[in-house]
Amino acid sequence: MRNHIFSQVKTAVIFTIFSLLSLATFAQDDSTARIHIGFVYPISSNGQKAASYTNQFSFHAVAGLSKAETGFTLSGVSSLIKENAKGAQITGAANIIGGSASGTQIAGAINVIGNNASGAQVAGFANIIKNEAKGAQIAGFMNLTGAVNSGQVAGFTNIATKHGNGFQLAGFLNKAQNVNSQISGFANVAKKVKGVQLAGFINIADSSDYPIALFNFIKNGEKSISLSVDETVTTMASFRSGGRVLYGIAGVGYNLKDNDEPLYGVEAGLGAHIPVADPFRINLEAVSQTLTDFKGGSYFKNSLRILPAYKIGQRFEVFAGPTFNYISYEREDSYDFIKKFIWKNTGTKDFQGVYVGFNAGLQIIL
């Protein structure tokens, strides 16, 4: 009984496959086919002439070859389409399209498109598009395109070699000509950035008004070196770099009080220039600062600075203003820099307090 049922199912499956193959064969007209089914070229319903056929539906156990696709393509390993592809192409490893693609391409490893792409490309490793990308590209490692007029998300890097407007998000590096916004774990490189340029370490651009990184080298922006002092008598030498609005802050310094151990300082933060009336402006800064003796003692301070600034000539600027500070340190360190607090926590292992201080200095605009 069981063998009889198995035999009937087997017969039905074989009948269905041959019916589909027959349909594909007899539906061919002017090198077109509704259905293209095969194992690997040339073992398929289109045989050795597969490269001259445009198909509406293609399925290959291993790899398929066609002139063009207008509907749905599914291959176990790869699909090679000589000209254009529409609809959806899904493969275990690679979609290779010689012309343009519109729709969705999903590959376990790589999508390669020889002209333009509109729609979405999703790949486990890389999407490579020669010319313009209008849809979205998502890759485990890299997106490489000509012009990007879409969104790109990659685990490691996005690279666009031509002018365009889009969005790039990468774990390590973004590079483009013109772009709306860039977000990366380490670095962004561009010509013109219209929106935000956010990086874990460095931004480089010809024009970028809103860079957010520790170091920002913007051609039409501003860079400066400053020497400042605050209410704890900590003197900092800081490098400020950024665009016309936002800038990054990185500094090193030394506390001048007579401490049991010398205290060395580092600071990092983000600032914004607010124009008032030339030569006046206000610099708003959010900064984290650490003082340490490198023997276990550390003093942590987070500050919001409101610094009116006056520019002297083209190269010098003086600034001074109030700061709002939150500090914390281990009670056993007994730092007594500040006597009066707006608020302080006396019931925990670490001392915590909020107070008003000041910051003043001179900077040289490079």
Protein backbone atom coordinates (compact mmCIF):
# COMPACT_ATOMS: atom_id res chain seq x y z
CA MET A 1 0.00 0.00 0.00
CA ARG A 2 2.78 2.38 0.98
CA ASN A 3 4.74 1.56 -2.20
CA HIS A 4 1.59 2.10 -4.27
CA ILE A 5 1.07 5.60 -2.79
CA PHE A 6 4.77 6.45 -3.28
CA SER A 7 4.56 5.30 -6.90
CA GLN A 8 1.52 7.51 -7.52
CA VAL A 9 3.24 10.57 -5.99
CA LYS A 10 6.39 9.89 -8.00
CA THR A 11 4.36 9.61 -11.20
CA ALA A 12 2.53 12.85 -10.45
CA VAL A 13 5.79 14.75 -9.79
CA ILE A 14 7.39 13.45 -12.99
CA PHE A 15 4.24 14.32 -14.96
CA THR A 16 4.23 17.86 -13.50
CA ILE A 17 7.91 18.45 -14.35
CA PHE A 18 7.49 17.29 -17.95
CA SER A 19 4.32 19.34 -18.29
CA LEU A 20 6.22 22.46 -17.20
CA LEU A 21 9.08 21.67 -19.55
CA SER A 22 6.62 21.17 -22.40
CA LEU A 23 4.89 24.44 -21.55
CA ALA A 24 8.24 26.23 -21.57
CA THR A 25 9.17 24.67 -24.92
CA PHE A 26 5.92 25.35 -26.74
CA ALA A 27 5.51 28.86 -25.29
CA GLN A 28 8.72 30.04 -26.94
CA ASP A 29 8.25 32.82 -29.46
CA ASP A 30 10.98 35.11 -30.82
CA SER A 31 13.47 33.79 -28.25
CA THR A 32 11.15 34.18 -25.29
CA ALA A 33 9.96 31.59 -22.80
CA ARG A 34 7.40 31.70 -20.05
CA ILE A 35 9.27 29.09 -18.05
CA HIS A 36 12.93 28.06 -18.05
CA ILE A 37 13.82 25.08 -15.86
CA GLY A 38 17.11 23.28 -15.65
CA PHE A 39 20.02 21.88 -13.69
CA VAL A 40 23.05 23.74 -15.02
CA TYR A 41 23.74 25.13 -18.49
CA PRO A 42 23.10 23.59 -21.00
CA ILE A 43 20.97 21.03 -19.18
CA SER A 44 17.71 23.00 -19.23
CA SER A 45 14.50 23.48 -21.15
CA ASN A 46 16.21 26.13 -23.32
CA GLY A 47 19.26 23.96 -23.90
CA GLN A 48 22.31 25.33 -25.66
CA LYS A 49 20.34 28.38 -26.84
CA ALA A 50 19.57 29.50 -23.26
CA ALA A 51 21.74 32.61 -23.65
CA SER A 52 19.43 33.95 -26.37
CA TYR A 53 16.17 33.61 -24.41
CA THR A 54 14.21 36.12 -22.35
CA ASN A 55 12.28 34.32 -19.60
CA GLN A 56 9.37 35.13 -17.33
CA PHE A 57 10.17 32.42 -14.80
CA SER A 58 13.47 30.58 -14.32
CA PHE A 59 14.43 27.86 -11.90
CA HIS A 60 17.81 26.07 -11.85
CA ALA A 61 19.08 23.58 -9.33
CA VAL A 62 22.66 24.84 -9.72
CA ALA A 63 23.14 27.67 -12.23
CA GLY A 64 21.14 29.38 -14.94
CA LEU A 65 22.03 31.33 -18.08
CA SER A 66 19.73 33.65 -20.01
CA LYS A 67 19.60 36.76 -22.16
CA ALA A 68 17.10 38.58 -19.91
CA GLU A 69 14.59 37.96 -17.14
CA THR A 70 11.24 39.70 -16.71
CA GLY A 71 9.69 37.97 -13.70
CA PHE A 72 11.19 35.60 -11.16
CA THR A 73 14.55 33.80 -11.13
CA LEU A 74 15.68 31.21 -8.59
CA SER A 75 19.00 29.34 -8.69
CA GLY A 76 20.75 27.15 -6.17
CA VAL A 77 24.18 28.69 -6.80
CA SER A 78 24.19 31.41 -9.45
CA SER A 79 22.25 33.19 -12.19
CA LEU A 80 23.99 34.75 -15.20
CA ILE A 81 21.79 37.20 -17.10
CA LYS A 82 23.48 38.77 -20.13
CA GLU A 83 21.27 41.85 -20.46
CA ASN A 84 18.49 43.28 -18.24
CA ALA A 85 16.61 41.79 -15.32
CA LYS A 86 13.21 42.72 -13.89
CA GLY A 87 11.31 41.32 -10.96
CA ALA A 88 13.18 39.20 -8.41
CA GLN A 89 16.39 37.23 -8.74
CA ILE A 90 17.29 34.96 -5.82
CA THR A 91 20.37 32.77 -5.71
CA GLY A 92 22.47 30.91 -3.19
CA ALA A 93 25.72 32.60 -4.22
CA ALA A 94 25.75 35.12 -7.08
CA ASN A 95 23.51 37.13 -9.38
CA ILE A 96 25.47 38.40 -12.39
CA ILE A 97 23.50 40.86 -14.55
CA GLY A 98 25.19 42.41 -17.58
CA GLY A 99 22.71 45.25 -18.09
CA SER A 100 20.33 47.07 -15.75
CA ALA A 101 18.25 45.61 -12.94
CA SER A 102 14.89 46.74 -11.61
CA GLY A 103 13.27 44.92 -8.75
CA THR A 104 15.01 42.83 -6.11
CA GLN A 105 18.24 40.83 -6.23
CA ILE A 106 19.08 38.58 -3.28
CA ALA A 107 22.30 36.58 -3.19
CA GLY A 108 24.09 34.60 -0.55
CA ALA A 109 27.41 36.14 -1.62
CA ILE A 110 27.33 38.79 -4.35
CA ASN A 111 25.18 40.80 -6.75
CA VAL A 112 26.97 42.27 -9.78
CA ILE A 113 25.07 44.66 -12.09
CA GLY A 114 26.74 46.02 -15.20
CA ASN A 115 24.66 49.17 -15.62
CA ASN A 116 21.98 50.81 -13.39
CA ALA A 117 19.97 49.36 -10.54
CA SER A 118 16.61 50.42 -9.17
CA GLY A 119 15.00 48.47 -6.37
CA ALA A 120 16.87 46.53 -3.71
CA GLN A 121 20.03 44.48 -3.71
CA VAL A 122 20.75 42.25 -0.71
CA ALA A 123 23.96 40.21 -0.51
CA GLY A 124 25.79 38.30 2.14
CA PHE A 125 29.13 39.74 0.98
CA ALA A 126 28.91 42.51 -1.65
CA ASN A 127 26.76 44.46 -4.07
CA ILE A 128 28.64 45.86 -7.08
CA ILE A 129 26.80 48.26 -9.41
CA LYS A 130 28.70 49.92 -12.23
CA ASN A 131 26.59 53.04 -12.70
CA GLU A 132 23.64 54.50 -10.78
CA ALA A 133 21.97 52.85 -7.78
CA LYS A 134 18.45 54.19 -7.08
CA GLY A 135 17.12 51.65 -4.62
CA ALA A 136 18.66 50.20 -1.48
CA GLN A 137 21.82 48.13 -1.15
CA ILE A 138 22.41 45.94 1.89
CA ALA A 139 25.59 43.89 2.12
CA GLY A 140 27.40 41.97 4.81
CA PHE A 141 30.75 43.46 3.76
CA MET A 142 30.71 46.03 0.92
CA ASN A 143 28.58 48.09 -1.44
CA LEU A 144 30.47 49.44 -4.46
CA THR A 145 28.54 51.67 -6.87
CA GLY A 146 28.90 54.51 -9.34
CA ALA A 147 26.37 57.17 -8.33
CA VAL A 148 24.37 56.50 -5.18
CA ASN A 149 20.87 57.96 -5.07
CA SER A 150 19.55 55.60 -2.45
CA GLY A 151 20.42 54.07 0.89
CA GLN A 152 23.46 51.85 1.39
CA VAL A 153 24.06 49.66 4.43
CA ALA A 154 27.22 47.54 4.74
CA GLY A 155 28.97 45.69 7.50
CA PHE A 156 32.35 47.15 6.51
CA THR A 157 32.35 49.76 3.73
CA ASN A 158 30.25 51.69 1.20
CA ILE A 159 32.02 53.24 -1.79
CA ALA A 160 30.37 55.43 -4.46
CA THR A 161 32.69 56.63 -7.22
CA LYS A 162 30.43 59.14 -8.98
CA HIS A 163 28.26 62.11 -8.03
CA GLY A 164 24.88 61.39 -6.50
CA ASN A 165 22.71 61.93 -3.45
CA GLY A 166 22.05 59.17 -0.98
CA PHE A 167 22.62 57.78 2.48
CA GLN A 168 25.50 55.57 3.62
CA LEU A 169 25.75 53.47 6.78
CA ALA A 170 28.82 51.27 7.32
CA GLY A 171 30.60 49.56 10.16
CA PHE A 172 34.00 51.01 9.19
CA LEU A 173 34.19 53.35 6.16
CA ASN A 174 31.96 55.36 3.82
CA LYS A 175 33.29 57.08 0.72
CA ALA A 176 31.30 59.13 -1.82
CA GLN A 177 31.31 62.21 -4.02
CA ASN A 178 28.07 64.01 -3.09
CA VAL A 179 25.91 62.42 -0.40
CA ASN A 180 23.06 63.37 1.90
CA SER A 181 24.35 61.70 5.09
CA GLN A 182 27.08 59.31 6.19
CA ILE A 183 27.33 57.21 9.35
CA SER A 184 30.29 54.93 10.01
CA GLY A 185 32.12 53.28 12.87
CA PHE A 186 35.48 54.80 11.92
CA ALA A 187 35.68 57.21 8.96
CA ASN A 188 33.65 59.06 6.33
CA VAL A 189 35.12 60.58 3.15
CA ALA A 190 33.12 62.75 0.72
CA LYS A 191 33.13 65.84 -1.46
CA LYS A 192 29.86 67.51 -0.43
CA VAL A 193 27.67 66.34 2.45
CA LYS A 194 24.23 67.92 2.76
CA GLY A 195 23.21 66.41 6.07
CA VAL A 196 24.95 64.78 9.02
CA GLN A 197 28.37 63.17 8.76
CA LEU A 198 28.85 60.93 11.79
CA ALA A 199 31.97 58.82 12.39
CA GLY A 200 33.59 57.11 15.32
CA PHE A 201 36.95 58.77 14.61
CA ILE A 202 37.34 60.99 11.52
CA ASN A 203 35.37 62.85 8.83
CA ILE A 204 36.92 64.23 5.64
CA ALA A 205 35.00 66.40 3.17
CA ASP A 206 35.17 69.49 0.98
CA SER A 207 31.87 70.73 2.39
CA SER A 208 30.10 69.42 5.50
CA ASP A 209 28.33 71.71 7.95
CA TYR A 210 27.34 68.97 10.42
CA PRO A 211 30.30 66.63 10.96
CA ILE A 212 30.31 64.63 14.19
CA ALA A 213 33.62 62.94 15.02
CA LEU A 214 36.69 63.39 17.15
CA PHE A 215 38.58 64.78 14.14
CA ASN A 216 36.95 66.57 11.18
CA PHE A 217 38.99 67.82 8.24
CA ILE A 218 36.52 69.94 6.25
CA LYS A 219 37.90 72.08 3.43
CA ASN A 220 35.43 74.95 3.93
CA GLY A 221 35.27 74.41 7.71
CA GLU A 222 37.41 75.54 10.63
CA LYS A 223 40.32 74.11 12.64
CA SER A 224 41.89 75.63 15.74
CA ILE A 225 44.28 74.98 18.63
CA SER A 226 43.36 76.40 22.04
CA LEU A 227 44.80 76.78 25.53
CA SER A 228 42.18 76.96 28.30
CA VAL A 229 41.75 76.78 32.08
CA ASP A 230 38.74 75.87 34.22
CA GLU A 231 37.56 76.14 37.86
CA THR A 232 39.65 73.10 38.92
CA VAL A 233 42.80 74.86 37.60
CA THR A 234 43.13 72.25 34.88
CA THR A 235 44.88 73.61 31.81
CA MET A 236 44.02 71.94 28.49
CA ALA A 237 45.57 72.19 25.04
CA SER A 238 42.77 71.24 22.64
CA PHE A 239 42.29 70.72 18.91
CA ARG A 240 38.93 71.75 17.50
CA SER A 241 37.96 70.75 13.96
CA GLY A 242 34.74 70.76 11.99
CA GLY A 243 32.37 72.50 9.62
CA ARG A 244 30.68 75.86 9.77
CA VAL A 245 28.30 74.61 12.49
CA LEU A 246 29.44 71.45 14.29
CA TYR A 247 32.97 70.55 15.36
CA GLY A 248 34.86 67.94 17.35
CA ILE A 249 37.09 68.53 20.39
CA ALA A 250 40.16 66.53 21.49
CA GLY A 251 42.58 67.73 24.15
CA VAL A 252 45.28 66.86 26.66
CA GLY A 253 46.24 68.75 29.82
CA TYR A 254 47.49 68.94 33.40
CA ASN A 255 45.98 69.96 36.72
CA LEU A 256 48.01 72.77 38.30
CA LYS A 257 46.90 72.24 41.93
CA ASP A 258 49.30 70.86 44.50
CA ASN A 259 47.99 67.29 44.53
CA ASP A 260 49.52 64.28 46.24
CA GLU A 261 50.09 62.80 42.77
CA PRO A 262 50.32 64.73 39.47
CA LEU A 263 47.05 64.62 37.56
CA TYR A 264 47.07 64.44 33.76
CA GLY A 265 43.98 65.18 31.72
CA VAL A 266 42.29 64.23 28.45
CA GLU A 267 39.05 65.55 27.00
CA ALA A 268 36.80 64.82 24.03
CA GLY A 269 33.54 66.35 22.92
CA LEU A 270 31.30 68.01 20.41
CA GLY A 271 30.67 71.71 19.84
CA ALA A 272 28.49 74.05 17.78
CA HIS A 273 29.17 77.58 16.52
CA ILE A 274 26.24 79.97 16.97
CA PRO A 275 26.76 83.26 15.06
CA VAL A 276 25.71 86.44 16.85
CA ALA A 277 27.25 89.46 15.11
CA ASP A 278 30.72 89.45 13.62
CA PRO A 279 33.21 89.28 15.37
CA PHE A 280 31.07 87.79 18.21
CA ARG A 281 29.71 84.27 18.40
CA ILE A 282 28.77 81.68 21.03
CA ASN A 283 30.38 78.27 21.16
CA LEU A 284 28.22 75.58 22.79
CA GLU A 285 30.21 72.50 23.85
CA ALA A 286 29.45 69.14 25.44
CA VAL A 287 32.70 67.66 26.75
CA SER A 288 33.84 64.66 28.78
CA GLN A 289 37.08 65.13 30.73
CA THR A 290 39.16 62.72 32.78
CA LEU A 291 41.98 63.52 35.23
CA THR A 292 44.17 60.61 36.30
CA ASP A 293 47.42 59.93 38.14
CA PHE A 294 47.85 56.62 36.24
CA LYS A 295 47.93 54.79 39.60
CA GLY A 296 44.21 54.15 40.00
CA GLY A 297 42.96 57.60 40.93
CA SER A 298 40.60 59.18 38.38
CA TYR A 299 38.34 62.24 38.36
CA PHE A 300 35.55 62.23 35.75
CA LYS A 301 33.73 65.36 34.62
CA ASN A 302 31.02 65.88 32.02
CA SER A 303 30.42 69.50 31.11
CA LEU A 304 28.06 71.68 29.12
CA ARG A 305 29.91 74.86 28.19
CA ILE A 306 28.37 78.15 27.04
CA LEU A 307 31.31 80.17 25.74
CA PRO A 308 30.86 83.66 24.26
CA ALA A 309 33.80 84.26 21.92
CA TYR A 310 35.38 87.35 20.36
CA LYS A 311 37.53 87.08 17.25
CA ILE A 312 40.66 89.22 17.07
CA GLY A 313 41.72 89.63 13.46
CA GLN A 314 41.64 86.49 11.30
CA ARG A 315 43.62 84.08 13.49
CA PHE A 316 42.87 84.64 17.17
CA GLU A 317 39.78 84.21 19.33
CA VAL A 318 39.29 84.64 23.07
CA PHE A 319 36.46 82.90 24.89
CA ALA A 320 35.07 82.65 28.42
CA GLY A 321 31.82 81.54 29.94
CA PRO A 322 29.93 79.41 32.46
CA THR A 323 29.88 75.62 32.53
CA PHE A 324 27.44 73.15 34.06
CA ASN A 325 29.27 70.10 35.35
CA TYR A 326 28.60 66.59 36.63
CA ILE A 327 31.55 64.92 38.39
CA SER A 328 32.21 61.48 39.89
CA TYR A 329 35.15 59.82 41.62
CA GLU A 330 35.87 57.26 44.33
CA ARG A 331 35.42 58.81 47.76
CA GLU A 332 38.76 57.53 48.97
CA ASP A 333 40.49 59.81 46.45
CA SER A 334 39.15 62.87 48.34
CA TYR A 335 39.41 65.41 45.51
CA ASP A 336 38.54 68.82 46.95
CA PHE A 337 38.53 70.94 43.78
CA ILE A 338 34.96 72.14 44.36
CA LYS A 339 33.43 73.38 47.65
CA LYS A 340 29.88 74.36 46.61
CA PHE A 341 27.49 72.06 44.76
CA ILE A 342 23.98 72.43 43.39
CA TRP A 343 23.51 68.74 44.20
CA LYS A 344 25.68 65.95 45.55
CA ASN A 345 25.19 62.31 46.45
CA THR A 346 26.52 61.35 49.86
CA GLY A 347 25.13 57.83 50.15
CA THR A 348 27.07 55.83 47.56
CA LYS A 349 30.60 54.46 47.20
CA ASP A 350 31.44 56.98 44.47
CA PHE A 351 31.05 60.69 45.05
CA GLN A 352 28.73 62.40 42.56
CA GLY A 353 27.98 66.09 42.27
CA VAL A 354 26.59 68.85 40.07
CA TYR A 355 27.92 72.40 40.12
CA VAL A 356 28.49 75.55 38.08
CA GLY A 357 32.02 76.37 36.93
CA PHE A 358 33.77 78.28 34.16
CA ASN A 359 36.06 77.83 31.19
CA ALA A 360 38.23 80.49 29.54
CA GLY A 361 40.98 80.50 26.98
CA LEU A 362 42.57 81.61 23.73
CA GLN A 363 42.51 79.77 20.43
CA ILE A 364 44.46 80.12 17.22
CA ILE A 365 42.41 79.50 14.06
CA LEU A 366 44.47 77.55 11.56
